Protein backbone atom coordinates (compact mmCIF):
# COMPACT_ATOMS: atom_id res chain seq x y z
CA MET A 1 1.65 8.01 -9.81
CA ALA A 2 1.59 4.92 -7.72
CA MET A 3 0.50 4.96 -4.26
CA ASP A 4 1.51 2.82 -1.37
CA PRO A 5 -1.87 2.21 1.69
CA ASP A 6 0.15 0.62 4.93
CA GLU A 7 0.57 1.17 3.66
CA ASP A 8 0.83 0.72 4.44
CA ASP A 9 2.97 2.32 3.48
CA GLU A 10 1.60 5.64 1.49
CA GLN A 11 -2.14 6.57 1.69
CA VAL A 12 -4.06 9.55 0.08
CA GLU A 13 -4.59 12.39 2.59
CA TRP A 14 -8.22 13.47 2.76
CA VAL A 15 -8.85 17.11 3.54
CA SER A 16 -12.06 17.52 5.54
CA TYR A 17 -13.57 20.74 6.72
CA SER A 18 -16.00 21.19 9.58
CA SER A 19 -19.41 22.56 8.69
CA ALA A 20 -19.97 26.23 9.29
CA GLY A 21 -22.15 26.91 12.32
CA TYR A 22 -23.62 30.16 13.52
CA GLY A 23 -24.48 31.44 16.94
CA SER A 24 -28.01 31.52 18.26
CA GLY A 25 -27.67 34.72 20.26
CA GLU A 26 -30.53 37.19 20.44
CA GLU A 27 -28.62 39.86 18.57
CA GLY A 28 -28.12 39.24 14.87
CA LEU A 29 -27.31 40.88 11.62
CA TRP A 30 -30.82 42.28 11.28
CA GLU A 31 -31.29 43.89 14.72
CA ASP A 32 -31.29 47.41 13.26
CA VAL A 33 -34.11 46.71 10.79
CA VAL A 34 -37.51 48.13 11.79
CA PRO A 35 -40.24 45.47 11.86
CA THR A 36 -43.13 45.88 9.43
CA ASP A 37 -46.78 45.07 9.82
CA SER A 38 -46.21 41.90 7.83
CA PRO A 39 -43.36 40.10 9.56
CA SER A 40 -43.66 37.18 7.14
CA GLU A 41 -42.49 39.34 4.25
CA GLU A 42 -38.82 39.05 3.43
CA ILE A 43 -36.57 42.05 3.84
CA ASP A 44 -35.31 43.28 0.50
CA TRP A 45 -31.65 42.59 -0.07
CA TYR A 46 -31.38 45.60 -2.40
CA ASP A 47 -32.96 49.05 -2.17
CA GLU A 48 -35.61 49.07 -4.93
CA ASN A 49 -35.53 52.86 -5.23
CA PRO A 50 -31.95 54.03 -5.03
CA ILE A 51 -31.25 57.75 -5.14
CA GLU A 52 -30.33 58.80 -8.64
CA GLY A 53 -26.59 58.80 -9.13
CA GLU A 54 -25.93 56.51 -6.17
CA SER A 55 -24.91 52.86 -6.48
CA ILE A 56 -27.11 50.01 -5.30
CA ILE A 57 -26.54 49.26 -1.64
CA GLU A 58 -25.63 45.60 -1.02
CA TRP A 59 -26.54 44.31 2.40
CA ASP A 60 -24.61 41.44 3.99
CA ALA A 61 -26.43 38.18 3.19
CA PRO A 62 -27.45 35.61 5.79
CA PRO A 63 -26.24 32.03 5.34
CA CYS A 64 -28.26 29.47 3.42
CA PRO A 65 -30.86 28.05 3.47
CA ALA A 66 -32.22 31.59 3.88
CA PRO A 67 -33.55 32.77 0.48
CA LEU A 68 -31.27 35.81 0.65
CA GLY A 69 -28.28 33.50 1.16
CA ILE A 70 -29.22 31.45 -1.91
CA ALA A 71 -29.74 34.66 -3.89
CA TYR A 72 -26.30 35.86 -2.85
CA LEU A 73 -24.62 32.64 -4.04
CA ALA A 74 -26.45 32.98 -7.36
CA ARG A 75 -25.39 36.64 -7.66
CA ILE A 76 -21.67 35.88 -7.14
CA GLY A 77 -21.82 33.29 -9.92
CA CYS A 78 -22.07 29.89 -8.21
CA CYS A 79 -22.83 27.09 -10.64
CA ASP A 80 -26.05 25.10 -10.31
CA PHE A 81 -24.27 22.18 -8.66
CA CYS A 82 -22.64 24.35 -5.98
CA LEU A 83 -25.90 26.25 -5.50
CA HIS A 84 -27.57 23.00 -4.52
CA ARG A 85 -24.53 21.78 -2.55
CA LEU A 86 -24.38 24.94 -0.42
CA GLY A 87 -28.06 25.87 -0.47
CA GLY A 88 -29.23 23.35 2.10
CA ARG A 89 -32.71 23.16 0.60
CA ARG A 90 -34.57 20.02 -0.37
CA THR A 91 -35.49 19.80 -4.02
CA ASP A 92 -37.06 17.16 -6.23
CA SER A 93 -33.74 16.72 -8.02
CA THR A 94 -30.15 16.72 -6.82
CA GLY A 95 -26.89 18.05 -8.15
CA ALA A 96 -27.03 20.56 -10.98
CA GLU A 97 -30.75 19.99 -11.59
CA GLY A 98 -31.52 20.74 -7.96
CA GLY A 99 -29.39 23.89 -8.14
CA ALA A 100 -31.22 25.02 -11.27
CA ALA A 101 -34.49 24.71 -9.37
CA LEU A 102 -33.14 26.85 -6.51
CA ARG A 103 -31.92 29.42 -9.03
CA LYS A 104 -35.37 29.72 -10.56
CA GLU A 105 -36.91 30.28 -7.13
CA ALA A 106 -34.37 33.01 -6.42
CA GLU A 107 -35.05 34.67 -9.79
CA LYS A 108 -38.76 34.79 -9.01
CA ARG A 109 -37.97 36.74 -5.85
CA ASP A 110 -35.39 38.92 -7.55
CA PRO A 111 -35.89 39.13 -11.33
CA GLU A 112 -32.62 41.02 -11.69
CA LEU A 113 -30.77 37.77 -11.01
CA ALA A 114 -31.93 36.43 -14.36
CA ASN A 115 -30.33 39.37 -16.14
CA LEU A 116 -26.93 39.04 -14.52
CA GLU A 117 -24.10 38.05 -16.81
CA SER A 118 -22.76 34.64 -15.86
CA SER A 119 -19.25 34.65 -14.44
CA ILE A 120 -16.46 32.91 -16.27
CA GLU A 121 -15.96 30.39 -13.45
CA CYS A 122 -17.90 29.34 -10.39
CA PRO A 123 -16.08 30.94 -7.43
CA THR A 124 -16.47 27.82 -5.28
CA CYS A 125 -15.43 25.09 -7.72
CA GLU A 126 -14.02 26.91 -10.76
CA ASN A 127 -16.34 24.73 -12.88
CA LEU A 128 -14.53 21.62 -11.68
CA LEU A 129 -17.80 19.78 -11.27
CA ASP A 130 -18.49 20.20 -14.98
CA ASP A 131 -15.58 17.83 -15.59
CA VAL A 132 -16.98 14.94 -13.57
CA GLY A 133 -18.18 13.14 -16.70
CA ASN A 134 -14.82 13.47 -18.44
CA VAL A 135 -12.95 12.27 -15.36
CA SER A 136 -15.15 9.21 -14.97
CA LYS A 137 -14.63 8.36 -18.65
CA ILE A 138 -10.85 8.53 -18.17
CA ILE A 139 -11.12 6.28 -15.10
CA SER A 140 -13.32 3.80 -16.95
CA SER A 141 -10.90 3.69 -19.88
CA ALA A 142 -7.85 3.27 -17.59
CA CYS A 143 -9.53 0.36 -15.82
CA ASP A 144 -10.37 -1.47 -19.03
CA GLY A 145 -8.95 -4.99 -18.97
CA ILE A 146 -8.19 -4.95 -15.23
CA GLN A 147 -9.92 -7.43 -12.95
CA PHE A 148 -11.13 -5.61 -9.83
CA SER A 149 -14.14 -5.09 -7.60
CA THR A 150 -13.16 -2.30 -5.19
CA MET A 151 -11.76 1.19 -5.72
CA GLN A 152 -10.60 4.15 -3.67
CA VAL A 153 -10.65 7.66 -5.15
CA GLY A 154 -8.31 10.43 -4.07
CA VAL A 155 -8.24 13.95 -5.44
CA HIS A 156 -5.75 16.82 -5.40
CA ILE A 157 -7.33 20.27 -5.52
CA PRO A 158 -5.21 23.47 -5.54
CA LYS A 159 -4.83 24.96 -2.08
CA ASP A 160 -6.05 28.42 -3.08
CA LEU A 161 -9.32 27.00 -4.43
CA ILE A 162 -9.81 24.93 -1.27
CA GLU A 163 -9.29 28.05 0.87
CA GLU A 164 -11.64 30.23 -1.19
CA GLU A 165 -14.33 27.56 -1.28
CA ASP A 166 -14.02 27.11 2.48
CA ARG A 167 -14.35 30.87 3.05
CA ILE A 168 -17.55 31.13 1.01
CA ARG A 169 -19.05 27.89 2.30
CA SER A 170 -18.34 28.63 5.97
CA ARG A 171 -19.88 32.13 5.69
CA TYR A 172 -22.78 31.68 3.28
CA GLY A 173 -23.32 27.93 2.91
CA ALA A 174 -25.92 26.03 4.89
CA PRO A 175 -24.68 24.36 8.08
CA GLY A 176 -23.53 20.87 7.21
CA SER A 177 -23.06 21.62 3.52
CA LYS A 178 -20.57 19.29 1.86
CA PRO A 179 -17.02 20.55 1.12
CA LEU A 180 -15.91 20.70 -2.50
CA LYS A 181 -13.44 17.81 -2.27
CA ALA A 182 -15.94 15.40 -0.74
CA ALA A 183 -18.64 16.48 -3.18
CA PHE A 184 -16.35 16.06 -6.19
CA VAL A 185 -15.24 12.59 -5.09
CA GLU A 186 -18.86 11.55 -4.51
CA GLU A 187 -19.88 12.74 -7.96
CA VAL A 188 -16.95 10.99 -9.61
CA GLN A 189 -17.85 7.77 -7.82
CA THR A 190 -21.49 8.05 -8.88
CA SER A 191 -20.57 8.75 -12.49
CA THR A 192 -17.98 5.96 -12.58
CA SER A 193 -20.48 3.49 -11.12
CA GLU A 194 -22.72 4.13 -14.12
CA LYS A 195 -19.88 3.19 -16.48
CA VAL A 196 -18.28 0.29 -14.58
CA GLU A 197 -20.56 -2.49 -13.35
CA GLY A 198 -20.17 -4.12 -9.94
CA ILE A 199 -17.71 -1.59 -8.53
CA GLU A 200 -17.59 -0.86 -4.80
CA PHE A 201 -15.88 2.21 -3.37
CA VAL A 202 -13.96 1.58 -0.15
CA ARG A 203 -11.57 3.42 2.16
CA GLU A 204 -9.25 0.54 2.95
CA ARG A 205 -7.53 -2.17 0.94
CA PRO A 206 -8.91 -1.33 -2.50
CA ASP A 207 -8.06 -3.29 -5.63
CA LEU A 208 -7.46 0.02 -7.42
CA MET A 209 -6.41 3.41 -6.11
CA VAL A 210 -7.31 6.35 -8.36
CA LEU A 211 -5.67 9.75 -7.88
CA ILE A 212 -7.11 12.74 -9.74
CA ASP A 213 -5.16 15.95 -10.28
CA THR A 214 -7.89 18.55 -10.84
CA LEU A 215 -5.45 21.14 -12.17
CA THR A 216 -4.51 19.05 -15.21
CA LEU A 217 -7.33 16.46 -15.08
CA ARG A 218 -4.65 13.80 -14.96
CA VAL A 219 -5.86 10.46 -13.61
CA ASP A 220 -3.38 7.92 -12.20
CA VAL A 221 -4.65 4.40 -11.58
CA ASP A 222 -2.58 2.31 -9.19
CA VAL A 223 -3.36 -1.40 -9.30
CA ARG A 224 -2.76 -2.64 -5.78
CA PRO A 225 -0.70 -5.81 -5.32
CA VAL A 226 -1.99 -9.29 -4.59
CA PHE A 227 -0.20 -11.24 -1.85
CA LEU A 228 0.21 -15.03 -1.90
CA TYR A 229 1.43 -17.12 1.04
CA GLY A 230 3.20 -20.46 0.78
CA ARG A 231 6.25 -22.51 1.81
CA TYR A 232 9.07 -23.37 -0.56
CA ARG A 233 11.64 -26.13 -0.57
CA LYS A 234 14.94 -25.28 -2.25
CA LEU A 235 16.51 -28.46 -3.62
CA SER A 236 19.44 -26.85 -5.42
CA ARG A 237 22.73 -25.59 -3.98
CA GLU A 238 23.22 -23.16 -6.85
CA ILE A 239 20.42 -20.60 -6.59
CA PRO A 240 19.85 -17.67 -4.19
CA GLN A 241 16.53 -16.94 -2.54
CA THR A 242 16.02 -13.56 -4.23
CA ARG A 243 17.49 -11.82 -7.26
CA TRP A 244 21.19 -11.15 -6.85
CA PRO A 245 22.45 -8.10 -8.79
CA CYS A 246 25.55 -8.57 -10.91
CA ARG A 247 28.70 -7.66 -8.98
CA ALA A 248 30.25 -6.03 -12.04
CA CYS A 249 27.43 -3.73 -13.15
CA ARG A 250 25.41 -3.80 -9.91
CA GLY A 251 22.26 -4.76 -11.75
CA ARG A 252 21.99 -1.72 -14.00
CA ASP A 253 19.52 -1.78 -16.90
CA GLY A 254 20.93 -3.66 -19.83
CA GLY A 255 23.52 -5.42 -17.66
CA CYS A 256 27.07 -6.05 -18.88
CA GLU A 257 29.17 -8.71 -20.55
CA SER A 258 29.87 -10.39 -17.22
CA CYS A 259 26.17 -11.08 -16.58
CA GLU A 260 25.26 -11.51 -20.26
CA SER A 261 23.11 -8.37 -20.11
CA THR A 262 20.80 -9.80 -17.44
CA GLY A 263 21.95 -7.55 -14.60
CA LEU A 264 21.99 -10.67 -12.38
CA GLN A 265 24.87 -12.52 -10.74
CA TYR A 266 22.81 -15.72 -10.89
CA PRO A 267 20.30 -16.17 -13.73
CA ASP A 268 17.77 -17.98 -11.52
CA SER A 269 16.48 -17.51 -7.97
CA VAL A 270 13.72 -18.89 -5.79
CA GLN A 271 11.91 -15.59 -6.31
CA ASP A 272 11.86 -15.90 -10.10
CA LEU A 273 11.36 -19.65 -10.34
CA ILE A 274 8.17 -19.14 -8.33
CA GLY A 275 7.29 -15.57 -9.26
CA LYS A 276 7.78 -15.43 -13.04
CA PRO A 277 5.10 -17.99 -14.00
CA ILE A 278 2.71 -16.49 -11.44
CA ALA A 279 3.30 -12.95 -12.73
CA GLU A 280 2.76 -14.18 -16.28
CA GLN A 281 -0.54 -15.90 -15.51
CA MET A 282 -1.82 -12.93 -13.48
CA ASP A 283 -0.59 -10.45 -16.10
CA ALA A 284 1.48 -8.57 -13.51
CA LEU A 285 4.41 -6.21 -13.87
CA ASP A 286 6.74 -7.95 -11.41
CA THR A 287 6.98 -9.65 -8.03
CA ALA A 288 8.63 -9.02 -4.67
CA PHE A 289 9.65 -11.90 -2.42
CA HIS A 290 9.30 -11.79 1.38
CA GLY A 291 10.77 -14.82 3.14
CA MET A 292 10.96 -15.83 6.79
CA GLY A 293 14.72 -15.51 6.82
CA ARG A 294 16.94 -16.96 4.09
CA GLU A 295 19.49 -19.67 3.50
CA ASP A 296 22.85 -19.41 1.73
CA ILE A 297 23.04 -20.19 -1.97
CA ASP A 298 24.77 -23.52 -1.30
CA VAL A 299 22.26 -24.57 1.38
CA ARG A 300 19.15 -26.60 0.66
CA CYS A 301 15.84 -25.99 2.48
CA LEU A 302 13.84 -29.18 3.02
CA GLY A 303 11.04 -30.49 5.26
CA GLN A 304 7.88 -28.38 5.27
CA GLY A 305 9.80 -25.59 3.57
CA ARG A 306 10.41 -21.95 4.42
CA PRO A 307 7.35 -19.65 4.76
CA PHE A 308 7.17 -16.79 2.27
CA VAL A 309 4.79 -14.19 0.87
CA LEU A 310 4.97 -13.36 -2.82
CA GLU A 311 3.87 -9.81 -3.64
CA VAL A 312 2.42 -9.75 -7.16
CA LYS A 313 2.69 -6.17 -8.43
CA SER A 314 -0.01 -4.48 -10.55
CA PRO A 315 -1.81 -7.67 -11.61
CA LYS A 316 -4.55 -7.26 -14.20
CA LYS A 317 -5.96 -10.61 -13.08
CA ARG A 318 -6.58 -10.59 -9.34
CA ILE A 319 -8.19 -13.99 -8.82
CA PRO A 320 -5.43 -16.64 -8.80
CA GLN A 321 -6.09 -20.13 -10.14
CA PHE A 322 -4.05 -21.94 -7.50
CA ASP A 323 -3.99 -25.42 -9.05
CA SER A 324 -2.80 -23.98 -12.33
CA LEU A 325 -0.18 -21.80 -10.58
CA LEU A 326 1.31 -24.77 -8.73
CA LYS A 327 1.70 -26.68 -11.98
CA LEU A 328 3.29 -23.70 -13.70
CA VAL A 329 5.79 -23.26 -10.86
CA GLU A 330 6.64 -26.97 -10.92
CA SER A 331 7.24 -26.84 -14.67
CA ASN A 332 9.33 -23.67 -14.45
CA ALA A 333 11.45 -24.77 -11.47
CA LYS A 334 12.38 -28.15 -12.97
CA GLY A 335 13.02 -29.83 -9.64
CA ARG A 336 15.07 -27.00 -8.13
CA VAL A 337 12.22 -25.47 -6.09
CA GLU A 338 8.96 -26.97 -4.85
CA ILE A 339 5.79 -25.51 -3.33
CA ASP A 340 2.82 -27.59 -2.21
CA SER A 341 0.17 -24.93 -1.71
CA LEU A 342 -0.64 -21.23 -2.04
CA ARG A 343 -3.30 -19.04 -0.50
CA LEU A 344 -4.23 -15.38 -0.50
CA SER A 345 -2.40 -13.21 2.01
CA ASP A 346 -1.98 -9.51 2.79
CA ARG A 347 0.58 -6.90 3.78
CA LYS A 348 0.08 -7.63 7.49
CA GLU A 349 1.30 -11.15 6.95
CA VAL A 350 4.40 -9.77 5.23
CA ALA A 351 5.20 -7.94 8.47
CA ARG A 352 4.54 -11.10 10.48
CA ILE A 353 6.82 -13.13 8.20
CA LYS A 354 9.61 -10.59 8.58
CA GLN A 355 9.27 -10.31 12.37
CA THR A 356 8.85 -13.98 13.24
CA ARG A 357 12.01 -15.55 14.69
CA SER A 358 11.46 -19.28 14.48
CA GLU A 359 13.76 -22.08 15.55
CA LYS A 360 15.20 -24.25 12.78
CA SER A 361 16.54 -27.77 12.47
CA TYR A 362 19.67 -28.44 10.42
CA THR A 363 21.78 -31.29 9.19
CA ILE A 364 25.43 -30.47 8.54
CA ARG A 365 28.21 -32.62 7.09
CA PHE A 366 31.80 -31.71 7.99
CA LYS A 367 35.29 -33.17 7.99
CA PRO A 368 37.51 -32.86 11.09
CA GLU A 369 41.26 -32.76 10.61
CA SER A 370 41.43 -35.92 12.70
CA ILE A 371 39.10 -38.27 14.57
CA GLU A 372 41.16 -39.91 17.32
CA ASP A 373 38.39 -40.94 19.73
CA PRO A 374 35.01 -41.19 17.90
CA GLU A 375 32.95 -41.95 21.02
CA LYS A 376 34.35 -39.04 23.01
CA ILE A 377 33.92 -36.67 20.06
CA SER A 378 30.28 -37.73 19.73
CA GLU A 379 29.67 -37.24 23.48
CA ASP A 380 31.28 -33.79 23.38
CA ILE A 381 29.13 -32.70 20.43
CA PHE A 382 25.93 -34.02 22.09
CA ALA A 383 26.92 -31.93 25.14
CA LEU A 384 26.34 -28.77 23.04
CA ALA A 385 22.57 -29.25 23.57
CA GLY A 386 21.18 -26.39 25.65
CA THR A 387 24.43 -24.40 25.39
CA MET A 388 24.40 -20.64 24.86
CA ILE A 389 26.98 -19.72 22.24
CA GLU A 390 28.45 -16.32 21.43
CA GLN A 391 28.94 -15.45 17.77
CA GLN A 392 30.67 -12.41 16.33
CA THR A 393 29.39 -11.43 12.89
CA PRO A 394 30.99 -13.92 10.45
CA LYS A 395 33.66 -12.61 8.13
CA ARG A 396 31.73 -13.83 5.08
CA VAL A 397 28.82 -11.46 5.80
CA SER A 398 30.66 -8.64 7.56
CA HIS A 399 30.48 -6.47 4.42
CA ARG A 400 26.70 -6.30 4.68
CA ARG A 401 25.95 -6.80 8.38
CA ALA A 402 26.96 -4.89 11.49
CA ASP A 403 29.95 -6.32 13.32
CA ARG A 404 28.58 -7.30 16.72
CA ASN A 405 28.31 -10.26 19.08
CA ARG A 406 25.16 -12.37 19.14
CA VAL A 407 24.19 -14.87 21.82
CA ARG A 408 22.17 -17.84 20.56
CA GLN A 409 21.11 -21.20 21.99
CA VAL A 410 21.68 -24.66 20.63
CA VAL A 411 18.26 -26.07 21.56
CA SER A 412 19.08 -29.72 20.92
CA VAL A 413 21.53 -32.07 19.23
CA ASP A 414 19.52 -34.96 17.82
CA ARG A 415 22.03 -37.04 15.88
CA VAL A 416 25.81 -37.40 15.48
CA ASP A 417 27.18 -39.89 12.95
CA ILE A 418 30.73 -40.64 11.90
CA VAL A 419 31.11 -41.83 8.31
CA GLY A 420 34.73 -42.63 7.53
CA ASP A 421 36.73 -39.44 8.05
CA GLU A 422 33.61 -37.25 7.93
CA MET A 423 30.91 -36.43 10.50
CA GLU A 424 27.26 -35.51 10.20
CA MET A 425 25.00 -34.07 12.88
CA THR A 426 21.40 -32.91 13.12
CA LEU A 427 20.60 -30.14 15.58
CA ARG A 428 17.97 -27.55 16.39
CA CYS A 429 18.96 -23.94 17.08
CA GLU A 430 17.52 -20.56 17.95
CA ALA A 431 16.76 -18.20 15.06
CA GLY A 432 19.80 -16.30 13.83
CA THR A 433 22.38 -18.97 14.63
CA TYR A 434 25.22 -19.27 12.12
CA ILE A 435 25.50 -23.06 11.75
CA LYS A 436 28.60 -23.25 9.58
CA GLU A 437 30.46 -21.03 12.05
CA LEU A 438 29.19 -23.16 14.92
CA VAL A 439 31.20 -26.00 13.34
CA HIS A 440 34.39 -24.38 12.04
CA SER A 441 34.47 -21.49 14.60
CA ASP A 442 35.28 -18.75 12.02
CA GLU A 443 38.79 -18.35 13.43
CA GLY A 444 37.51 -18.27 16.99
CA ARG A 445 34.68 -15.79 16.38
CA THR A 446 32.14 -18.42 17.56
CA ILE A 447 32.57 -19.69 21.14
CA PRO A 448 32.16 -22.58 21.84
CA SER A 449 32.26 -24.40 18.51
CA VAL A 450 32.63 -28.00 17.35
CA THR A 451 36.21 -27.17 16.40
CA SER A 452 37.00 -25.93 19.91
CA ILE A 453 35.36 -28.80 21.81
CA ILE A 454 36.90 -31.63 19.77
CA GLY A 455 40.24 -29.86 19.50
CA ALA A 456 40.58 -30.24 15.73
CA PRO A 457 39.85 -27.89 12.80
CA CYS A 458 36.69 -28.79 10.86
CA GLU A 459 35.82 -28.16 7.22
CA VAL A 460 32.11 -27.81 6.33
CA ILE A 461 31.11 -29.94 3.34
CA TRP A 462 27.41 -29.12 3.08
CA LEU A 463 24.44 -27.83 5.11
CA ASP A 464 20.69 -28.45 4.86
CA VAL A 465 17.82 -26.68 6.62
CA GLU A 466 15.71 -29.65 7.69
CA ASP A 467 12.75 -27.63 8.93
CA VAL A 468 11.58 -24.15 9.84
CA HIS A 469 9.50 -24.45 13.00
CA ALA A 470 6.85 -21.81 12.26
CA ASP A 471 3.04 -21.79 12.06
């Protein structure tokens, strides 16, 4: 079961319990016991000489590390590991070996403990800690062939076991004793470290996230994505930025005749021309493309290019060979898309890319219905510099965007040329400006427009994004 951090998107919830503490008042559980001449001797937990026919009287046990508390945990069937975990006593060994040592000490004080039949399951862990070795083997096997250095371990333990363990630990465990969930995770990490060299366990941004279901001993390993930042130039007027699902089958698995079973309206995209060779080299499942805005299919993106972050999903190879990747992309794109550099990124930069509203420079070629006074037309177009324009959502995108008015600024008009019966201008505009509509007015939905100021309808021939002014 995959898990999403930010995740920022999707993190494992850790259940932590506060350590049990006990009051330090003068009155206690033993106030009714008569002192003996030897105060250092321990009070017997059980009556050594019960009246014939009467059952043994069980006194309430004090919390560990009192010997009677440890004896009580042994009597109710705690396993050696939990005996050490809850006992709060220092021993030469830790874990199950340390618990076995505490059990022997308790049996010396109360030989009857050695004769007790062992319970089927430890009441505080239900023998879960016996499975640590098996779980770590499963994790080690699942990680085989994956390049990673950091890991985060999450665990799901049934609620009733958590509640019962908390009840026993808070009443009889030593103050500060470790809860079952934390202890289990720590043991799994220790055992896994012995099987996988060079692994580091972290709480944030791991290479691998491991989720353990203790009820079924199922282990899910989620390989976290790798993020790569770059800028792309789109040199073709025939490819979209990201995958475009087939209009006929809406991208269903297996596609249809219309899309030749690809599920795509367009066989290529900037996302795949860049992402497919990268996913192949990094042995990844797929990619996701996060761009700083987008251009229309028939619009080129030139200059420095448009910033983007490529999310490489579940890569088995996490260390990109950038020089090799750039060559692979160049070979795959065949002159339709270019990237000059790549670097490692992260999910935070994805958010920055999405939220940044950068100005852009454009060059647009269009054909007015008539050009009666070229000089005046040029002056009128130059006068658009600094103008605030109002744009209603264009008809061509109204099916996927809210119909509302947007106010944007034409920052500058840098060039206006007349070539025969066509015109070409270069301008810089605020983010979110619809440039084609700025020229042809979209039937009056953009005010003012080139069409309105020159008094003649204009037909857009082509549009280029000259630069994205970011970073």
